[in-house]
């Protein structure tokens, strides 16, 4: 998988640059940009943090079909992974977040 950024969707909030553990993202002309794609660890922190779906992963043919894109929507109660395929179809995986009871 390789990360990609759609500049037209980026609002320049900078949240992705704050969460990238490899310090690979930077703000250029008010938009997020990746310094070197091949250095990306694939941790998905930036994908989950982006509020506008401007950052996604391109999937290889064996993972989701050539041109498939993987987006994340992270909320307080769940993490939703959304797979968008080139034919326009979409699939979602929703992972609930549960807090342990404190006693």
C-alpha atoms as a PDB file:
ATOM      1  CA  UNK A   1       0.000   0.000   0.000  1.00  0.00           C
ATOM      2  CA  UNK A   2       1.154   3.508  -0.644  1.00  0.00           C
ATOM      3  CA  UNK A   3      -0.117   6.737   0.851  1.00  0.00           C
ATOM      4  CA  UNK A   4      -1.545   9.498  -1.302  1.00  0.00           C
ATOM      5  CA  UNK A   5      -2.813  13.006  -0.569  1.00  0.00           C
ATOM      6  CA  UNK A   6      -5.501  14.827  -2.547  1.00  0.00           C
ATOM      7  CA  UNK A   7      -4.513  18.524  -2.217  1.00  0.00           C
ATOM      8  CA  UNK A   8      -7.945  19.735  -3.323  1.00  0.00           C
ATOM      9  CA  UNK A   9      -9.514  18.028  -0.282  1.00  0.00           C
ATOM     10  CA  UNK A  10      -6.853  19.159   2.208  1.00  0.00           C
ATOM     11  CA  UNK A  11      -7.959  22.077   4.404  1.00  0.00           C
ATOM     12  CA  UNK A  12      -4.484  22.629   5.861  1.00  0.00           C
ATOM     13  CA  UNK A  13      -5.339  21.725   9.461  1.00  0.00           C
ATOM     14  CA  UNK A  14      -1.933  20.069   9.973  1.00  0.00           C
ATOM     15  CA  UNK A  15      -3.285  17.248  12.130  1.00  0.00           C
ATOM     16  CA  UNK A  16      -1.579  14.654   9.930  1.00  0.00           C
ATOM     17  CA  UNK A  17       1.828  16.266  10.431  1.00  0.00           C
ATOM     18  CA  UNK A  18       1.367  16.084  14.202  1.00  0.00           C
ATOM     19  CA  UNK A  19       0.589  12.346  14.323  1.00  0.00           C
ATOM     20  CA  UNK A  20       3.070  10.954  11.783  1.00  0.00           C
ATOM     21  CA  UNK A  21       5.636   8.971  13.821  1.00  0.00           C
ATOM     22  CA  UNK A  22       8.162   9.138  10.991  1.00  0.00           C
ATOM     23  CA  UNK A  23       7.852  12.913  10.574  1.00  0.00           C
ATOM     24  CA  UNK A  24       7.212  12.329   6.864  1.00  0.00           C
ATOM     25  CA  UNK A  25       4.448  14.873   6.359  1.00  0.00           C
ATOM     26  CA  UNK A  26       4.871  18.615   6.027  1.00  0.00           C
ATOM     27  CA  UNK A  27       2.729  21.601   5.185  1.00  0.00           C
ATOM     28  CA  UNK A  28       3.564  23.103   1.785  1.00  0.00           C
ATOM     29  CA  UNK A  29       1.634  26.141   0.563  1.00  0.00           C
ATOM     30  CA  UNK A  30      -1.019  25.452   3.208  1.00  0.00           C
ATOM     31  CA  UNK A  31      -1.538  21.810   2.171  1.00  0.00           C
ATOM     32  CA  UNK A  32      -0.260  18.505   3.500  1.00  0.00           C
ATOM     33  CA  UNK A  33       2.524  16.892   1.503  1.00  0.00           C
ATOM     34  CA  UNK A  34       4.580  13.757   2.016  1.00  0.00           C
ATOM     35  CA  UNK A  35       8.335  14.123   1.919  1.00  0.00           C
ATOM     36  CA  UNK A  36       9.118  10.629   0.613  1.00  0.00           C
ATOM     37  CA  UNK A  37       6.411   8.016  -0.039  1.00  0.00           C
ATOM     38  CA  UNK A  38       8.812   5.071   0.136  1.00  0.00           C
ATOM     39  CA  UNK A  39       9.724   5.964   3.736  1.00  0.00           C
ATOM     40  CA  UNK A  40       6.113   5.634   4.946  1.00  0.00           C
ATOM     41  CA  UNK A  41       5.726   2.915   7.604  1.00  0.00           C
ATOM     42  CA  UNK A  42       2.084   2.288   6.769  1.00  0.00           C
ATOM     43  CA  UNK A  43       0.936   2.944  10.339  1.00  0.00           C
ATOM     44  CA  UNK A  44      -2.284   4.678   9.108  1.00  0.00           C
ATOM     45  CA  UNK A  45      -2.082   7.432  11.752  1.00  0.00           C
ATOM     46  CA  UNK A  46      -2.423  10.217   9.175  1.00  0.00           C
ATOM     47  CA  UNK A  47      -5.229   8.436   7.312  1.00  0.00           C
ATOM     48  CA  UNK A  48      -7.227   8.093  10.545  1.00  0.00           C
ATOM     49  CA  UNK A  49      -6.527  11.688  11.617  1.00  0.00           C
ATOM     50  CA  UNK A  50      -7.541  13.464   8.393  1.00  0.00           C
ATOM     51  CA  UNK A  51     -11.023  14.991   8.818  1.00  0.00           C
ATOM     52  CA  UNK A  52     -11.581  15.465   5.052  1.00  0.00           C
ATOM     53  CA  UNK A  53     -10.539  12.126   3.479  1.00  0.00           C
ATOM     54  CA  UNK A  54      -7.640  13.937   1.823  1.00  0.00           C
ATOM     55  CA  UNK A  55      -5.220  11.157   2.806  1.00  0.00           C
ATOM     56  CA  UNK A  56      -5.763   7.560   1.752  1.00  0.00           C
ATOM     57  CA  UNK A  57      -3.932   4.394   0.775  1.00  0.00           C
ATOM     58  CA  UNK A  58      -3.832   3.098  -2.778  1.00  0.00           C
ATOM     59  CA  UNK A  59      -4.332  -0.645  -2.647  1.00  0.00           C
ATOM     60  CA  UNK A  60      -2.563  -3.192  -4.803  1.00  0.00           C
ATOM     61  CA  UNK A  61      -4.590  -5.425  -7.110  1.00  0.00           C
ATOM     62  CA  UNK A  62      -4.432  -8.377  -4.701  1.00  0.00           C
ATOM     63  CA  UNK A  63      -5.768  -6.325  -1.763  1.00  0.00           C
ATOM     64  CA  UNK A  64      -8.622  -4.402  -3.309  1.00  0.00           C
ATOM     65  CA  UNK A  65      -8.314  -4.211  -7.030  1.00  0.00           C
ATOM     66  CA  UNK A  66      -5.987  -1.911  -8.893  1.00  0.00           C
ATOM     67  CA  UNK A  67      -6.911   1.654  -8.010  1.00  0.00           C
ATOM     68  CA  UNK A  68      -8.767   0.742  -4.820  1.00  0.00           C
ATOM     69  CA  UNK A  69      -8.581   3.355  -2.067  1.00  0.00           C
ATOM     70  CA  UNK A  70      -8.719   2.851   1.687  1.00  0.00           C
ATOM     71  CA  UNK A  71     -10.043   5.665   3.896  1.00  0.00           C
ATOM     72  CA  UNK A  72     -10.555   5.832   7.658  1.00  0.00           C
ATOM     73  CA  UNK A  73     -13.145   7.629   9.770  1.00  0.00           C
ATOM     74  CA  UNK A  74     -12.123   7.747  13.427  1.00  0.00           C
ATOM     75  CA  UNK A  75     -14.658   8.806  16.070  1.00  0.00           C
ATOM     76  CA  UNK A  76     -14.880   8.473  19.831  1.00  0.00           C
ATOM     77  CA  UNK A  77     -17.001   5.323  19.542  1.00  0.00           C
ATOM     78  CA  UNK A  78     -15.710   3.558  16.420  1.00  0.00           C
ATOM     79  CA  UNK A  79     -13.145   3.344  13.660  1.00  0.00           C
ATOM     80  CA  UNK A  80     -14.609   2.807  10.208  1.00  0.00           C
ATOM     81  CA  UNK A  81     -12.423   1.619   7.342  1.00  0.00           C
ATOM     82  CA  UNK A  82     -13.964   2.376   3.971  1.00  0.00           C
ATOM     83  CA  UNK A  83     -12.765   0.631   0.810  1.00  0.00           C
ATOM     84  CA  UNK A  84     -13.669   2.440  -2.410  1.00  0.00           C
ATOM     85  CA  UNK A  85     -13.140   0.358  -5.539  1.00  0.00           C
ATOM     86  CA  UNK A  86     -12.578   1.694  -9.075  1.00  0.00           C
ATOM     87  CA  UNK A  87     -15.991   0.400 -10.194  1.00  0.00           C
ATOM     88  CA  UNK A  88     -17.654   2.754  -7.680  1.00  0.00           C
ATOM     89  CA  UNK A  89     -18.574   0.096  -5.137  1.00  0.00           C
ATOM     90  CA  UNK A  90     -17.753   0.560  -1.469  1.00  0.00           C
ATOM     91  CA  UNK A  91     -17.270  -1.722   1.504  1.00  0.00           C
ATOM     92  CA  UNK A  92     -16.970  -0.769   5.167  1.00  0.00           C
ATOM     93  CA  UNK A  93     -15.509  -2.398   8.231  1.00  0.00           C
ATOM     94  CA  UNK A  94     -16.593  -0.815  11.521  1.00  0.00           C
ATOM     95  CA  UNK A  95     -14.580  -1.493  14.656  1.00  0.00           C
ATOM     96  CA  UNK A  96     -16.278  -0.449  17.902  1.00  0.00           C
ATOM     97  CA  UNK A  97     -14.236   1.168  20.649  1.00  0.00           C
ATOM     98  CA  UNK A  98     -15.133  -0.014  24.126  1.00  0.00           C
ATOM     99  CA  UNK A  99     -13.783   1.395  27.349  1.00  0.00           C
ATOM    100  CA  UNK A 100     -13.072  -0.995  30.179  1.00  0.00           C
ATOM    101  CA  UNK A 101     -15.114  -0.482  33.302  1.00  0.00           C
ATOM    102  CA  UNK A 102     -13.148   1.228  36.047  1.00  0.00           C
ATOM    103  CA  UNK A 103     -13.760   0.112  39.636  1.00  0.00           C
END
